[in-house]
C-alpha atoms as a PDB file:
ATOM      1  CA  MET A   1     -17.629 -16.053 -12.158  1.00  0.00           C
ATOM      2  CA  THR A   2     -18.505 -17.640  -8.221  1.00  0.00           C
ATOM      3  CA  SER A   3     -20.623 -15.769  -6.265  1.00  0.00           C
ATOM      4  CA  LEU A   4     -17.689 -15.991  -3.570  1.00  0.00           C
ATOM      5  CA  GLN A   5     -15.331 -14.113  -6.493  1.00  0.00           C
ATOM      6  CA  GLN A   6     -17.880 -11.734  -6.773  1.00  0.00           C
ATOM      7  CA  LEU A   7     -17.750 -10.526  -3.838  1.00  0.00           C
ATOM      8  CA  VAL A   8     -13.690 -10.326  -2.465  1.00  0.00           C
ATOM      9  CA  ALA A   9     -13.486  -8.814  -6.216  1.00  0.00           C
ATOM     10  CA  ALA A  10     -16.001  -6.097  -4.364  1.00  0.00           C
ATOM     11  CA  LEU A  11     -14.834  -5.875  -1.290  1.00  0.00           C
ATOM     12  CA  VAL A  12     -10.476  -5.674  -2.907  1.00  0.00           C
ATOM     13  CA  GLY A  13     -12.526  -2.607  -4.995  1.00  0.00           C
ATOM     14  CA  LEU A  14     -13.928  -1.310  -2.051  1.00  0.00           C
ATOM     15  CA  ALA A  15     -10.343  -0.958   0.224  1.00  0.00           C
ATOM     16  CA  ASN A  16      -7.871  -0.360  -2.484  1.00  0.00           C
ATOM     17  CA  SER A  17     -10.267   3.042  -3.115  1.00  0.00           C
ATOM     18  CA  ILE A  18     -10.717   3.950   1.077  1.00  0.00           C
ATOM     19  CA  ILE A  19      -7.770   2.433   2.292  1.00  0.00           C
ATOM     20  CA  PRO A  20      -5.573   4.737   0.436  1.00  0.00           C
ATOM     21  CA  LEU A  21      -7.180   8.034   2.044  1.00  0.00           C
ATOM     22  CA  MET A  22      -7.630   6.460   5.662  1.00  0.00           C
ATOM     23  CA  LEU A  23      -3.743   5.956   4.931  1.00  0.00           C
ATOM     24  CA  ALA A  24      -3.582   9.811   3.908  1.00  0.00           C
ATOM     25  CA  ILE A  25      -5.314  11.347   6.985  1.00  0.00           C
ATOM     26  CA  ALA A  26      -3.166   8.773   9.143  1.00  0.00           C
ATOM     27  CA  VAL A  27      -0.025  10.205   8.193  1.00  0.00           C
ATOM     28  CA  ILE A  28      -1.691  13.885   8.545  1.00  0.00           C
ATOM     29  CA  VAL A  29      -2.141  13.590  12.120  1.00  0.00           C
ATOM     30  CA  PHE A  30       1.325  11.463  12.546  1.00  0.00           C
ATOM     31  CA  ILE A  31       2.894  15.150  10.783  1.00  0.00           C
ATOM     32  CA  TRP A  32       0.072  17.521  12.562  1.00  0.00           C
ATOM     33  CA  GLY A  33       1.077  15.802  15.782  1.00  0.00           C
ATOM     34  CA  ILE A  34       5.290  16.692  15.025  1.00  0.00           C
ATOM     35  CA  ILE A  35       4.800  19.739  14.686  1.00  0.00           C
ATOM     36  CA  ASN A  36       2.578  20.873  16.955  1.00  0.00           C
ATOM     37  CA  PHE A  37       4.679  18.850  19.680  1.00  0.00           C
ATOM     38  CA  LEU A  38       8.197  21.149  18.312  1.00  0.00           C
ATOM     39  CA  TRP A  39       5.823  24.050  17.878  1.00  0.00           C
ATOM     40  CA  HIS A  40       4.769  24.793  21.534  1.00  0.00           C
ATOM     41  CA  PRO A  41       8.130  23.142  24.057  1.00  0.00           C
ATOM     42  CA  ASP A  42       7.028  24.866  26.610  1.00  0.00           C
ATOM     43  CA  LYS A  43       3.923  23.451  26.527  1.00  0.00           C
ATOM     44  CA  PRO A  44       3.889  20.397  28.649  1.00  0.00           C
ATOM     45  CA  ASP A  45       0.639  18.788  28.804  1.00  0.00           C
ATOM     46  CA  LEU A  46       0.100  19.243  24.939  1.00  0.00           C
ATOM     47  CA  ARG A  47       3.590  18.180  24.562  1.00  0.00           C
ATOM     48  CA  SER A  48       1.623  14.494  25.905  1.00  0.00           C
ATOM     49  CA  GLN A  49      -0.973  15.273  24.105  1.00  0.00           C
ATOM     50  CA  MET A  50       1.081  15.810  20.919  1.00  0.00           C
ATOM     51  CA  LYS A  51       3.097  12.293  21.357  1.00  0.00           C
ATOM     52  CA  THR A  52      -0.250  10.561  22.010  1.00  0.00           C
ATOM     53  CA  PHE A  53      -1.239  11.488  18.804  1.00  0.00           C
ATOM     54  CA  MET A  54       2.587  10.848  16.949  1.00  0.00           C
ATOM     55  CA  ILE A  55       1.927   7.111  17.952  1.00  0.00           C
ATOM     56  CA  MET A  56      -1.377   6.629  17.377  1.00  0.00           C
ATOM     57  CA  GLY A  57      -0.500   7.914  13.825  1.00  0.00           C
ATOM     58  CA  VAL A  58       2.059   5.470  13.490  1.00  0.00           C
ATOM     59  CA  ILE A  59      -0.255   3.027  15.629  1.00  0.00           C
ATOM     60  CA  SER A  60      -2.461   3.629  12.463  1.00  0.00           C
ATOM     61  CA  ILE A  61      -0.292   3.074   9.512  1.00  0.00           C
ATOM     62  CA  ALA A  62       0.723   0.098  10.243  1.00  0.00           C
ATOM     63  CA  VAL A  63      -2.507  -1.279  10.863  1.00  0.00           C
ATOM     64  CA  ILE A  64      -4.294   0.210   7.746  1.00  0.00           C
ATOM     65  CA  LEU A  65      -0.420  -0.834   5.473  1.00  0.00           C
ATOM     66  CA  SER A  66      -1.152  -4.540   6.930  1.00  0.00           C
ATOM     67  CA  ILE A  67      -4.822  -4.957   6.605  1.00  0.00           C
ATOM     68  CA  TRP A  68      -4.163  -3.808   3.369  1.00  0.00           C
ATOM     69  CA  SER A  69      -1.604  -6.417   2.561  1.00  0.00           C
ATOM     70  CA  LEU A  70      -4.153  -9.153   4.692  1.00  0.00           C
ATOM     71  CA  ALA A  71      -6.396  -8.440   1.921  1.00  0.00           C
ATOM     72  CA  SER A  72      -4.203  -8.908  -1.080  1.00  0.00           C
ATOM     73  CA  LEU A  73      -1.979 -11.644   0.318  1.00  0.00           C
ATOM     74  CA  LEU A  74      -6.440 -13.484   0.604  1.00  0.00           C
ATOM     75  CA  LYS A  75      -7.527 -12.887  -2.584  1.00  0.00           C
ATOM     76  CA  ASN A  76      -4.366 -13.555  -4.413  1.00  0.00           C
ATOM     77  CA  THR A  77      -4.313 -17.128  -2.131  1.00  0.00           C
ATOM     78  CA  LEU A  78      -8.141 -17.731  -2.902  1.00  0.00           C
ATOM     79  CA  PHE A  79      -7.909 -16.471  -6.489  1.00  0.00           C
ATOM     80  CA  PRO A  80      -4.735 -16.348  -8.021  1.00  0.00           C
ATOM     81  CA  SER A  81      -5.959 -15.892 -11.657  1.00  0.00           C
ATOM     82  CA  ALA A  82      -8.052 -13.009 -10.870  1.00  0.00           C
ATOM     83  CA  PRO A  83      -7.086  -9.748 -12.213  1.00  0.00           C
ATOM     84  CA  CYS A  84      -5.379  -6.793  -9.502  1.00  0.00           C
ATOM     85  CA  PRO A  85      -7.914  -3.447  -8.997  1.00  0.00           C
ATOM     86  CA  ILE A  86      -4.975  -1.684  -9.119  1.00  0.00           C
ATOM     87  CA  GLY A  87      -3.605  -2.640 -12.760  1.00  0.00           C
ATOM     88  CA  ILE A  88      -0.138  -3.992 -11.620  1.00  0.00           C
ATOM     89  CA  PRO A  89       1.322  -5.906 -14.239  1.00  0.00           C
ATOM     90  CA  GLY A  90       1.566  -9.343 -13.446  1.00  0.00           C
ATOM     91  CA  CYS A  91      -0.275  -9.039 -10.052  1.00  0.00           C
ATOM     92  CA  GLY A  92      -2.725 -11.557 -10.020  1.00  0.00           C
ATOM     93  CA  GLY A  93      -1.995 -14.906 -12.059  1.00  0.00           C
ATOM     94  CA  THR A  94       0.033 -15.346 -15.753  1.00  0.00           C
ATOM     95  CA  SER A  95      -0.199 -12.114 -18.121  1.00  0.00           C
ATOM     96  CA  SER A  96      -0.031 -11.895 -21.151  1.00  0.00           C
ATOM     97  CA  THR A  97       2.102  -9.072 -21.434  1.00  0.00           C
ATOM     98  CA  ALA A  98       5.831  -9.933 -19.682  1.00  0.00           C
ATOM     99  CA  LEU A  99       8.172  -7.385 -18.775  1.00  0.00           C
ATOM    100  CA  PRO A 100      10.720  -6.525 -20.577  1.00  0.00           C
ATOM    101  CA  THR A 101      13.819  -7.466 -19.887  1.00  0.00           C
ATOM    102  CA  TYR A 102      17.823  -5.585 -20.451  1.00  0.00           C
ATOM    103  CA  SER A 103      20.904  -7.175 -20.471  1.00  0.00           C
ATOM    104  CA  SER A 104      23.724  -5.557 -18.226  1.00  0.00           C
ATOM    105  CA  GLY A 105      26.065  -4.606 -21.103  1.00  0.00           C
ATOM    106  CA  PRO A 106      27.570  -5.044 -25.396  1.00  0.00           C
ATOM    107  CA  THR A 107      27.425  -9.449 -26.136  1.00  0.00           C
ATOM    108  CA  GLN A 108      30.290 -10.545 -27.761  1.00  0.00           C
ATOM    109  CA  SER A 109      29.152  -9.225 -31.112  1.00  0.00           C
ATOM    110  CA  GLY A 110      28.941  -5.560 -30.158  1.00  0.00           C
ATOM    111  CA  THR A 111      24.671  -4.769 -30.314  1.00  0.00           C
ATOM    112  CA  PRO A 112      23.122  -4.735 -27.242  1.00  0.00           C
ATOM    113  CA  LEU A 113      20.369  -6.926 -25.868  1.00  0.00           C
ATOM    114  CA  ASN A 114      16.641  -6.001 -26.078  1.00  0.00           C
END
């Protein structure tokens, strides 16, 4: 493993641990904006502030997910045989464990395929 691969693996591992937390915070900000927007219908200045919270929450969620996707895309493009840090089977190149295939029904002999 080269030092570039180690650096990319470390960055992807860091992103996989930080990004879910950031995503949770963005979702909480969005929900907080919705709750306050609906809870205070008689306060127009608070409602406009909560509209801003909701817009910022949606934009944050979109940016976080796109950065996470871009990081995974770059990792899989640059190092396709590197293992996936999240442990998704089939991610990051060929895997020794193949996913099982199932038939849609019985065969002509009446026994289902495994």
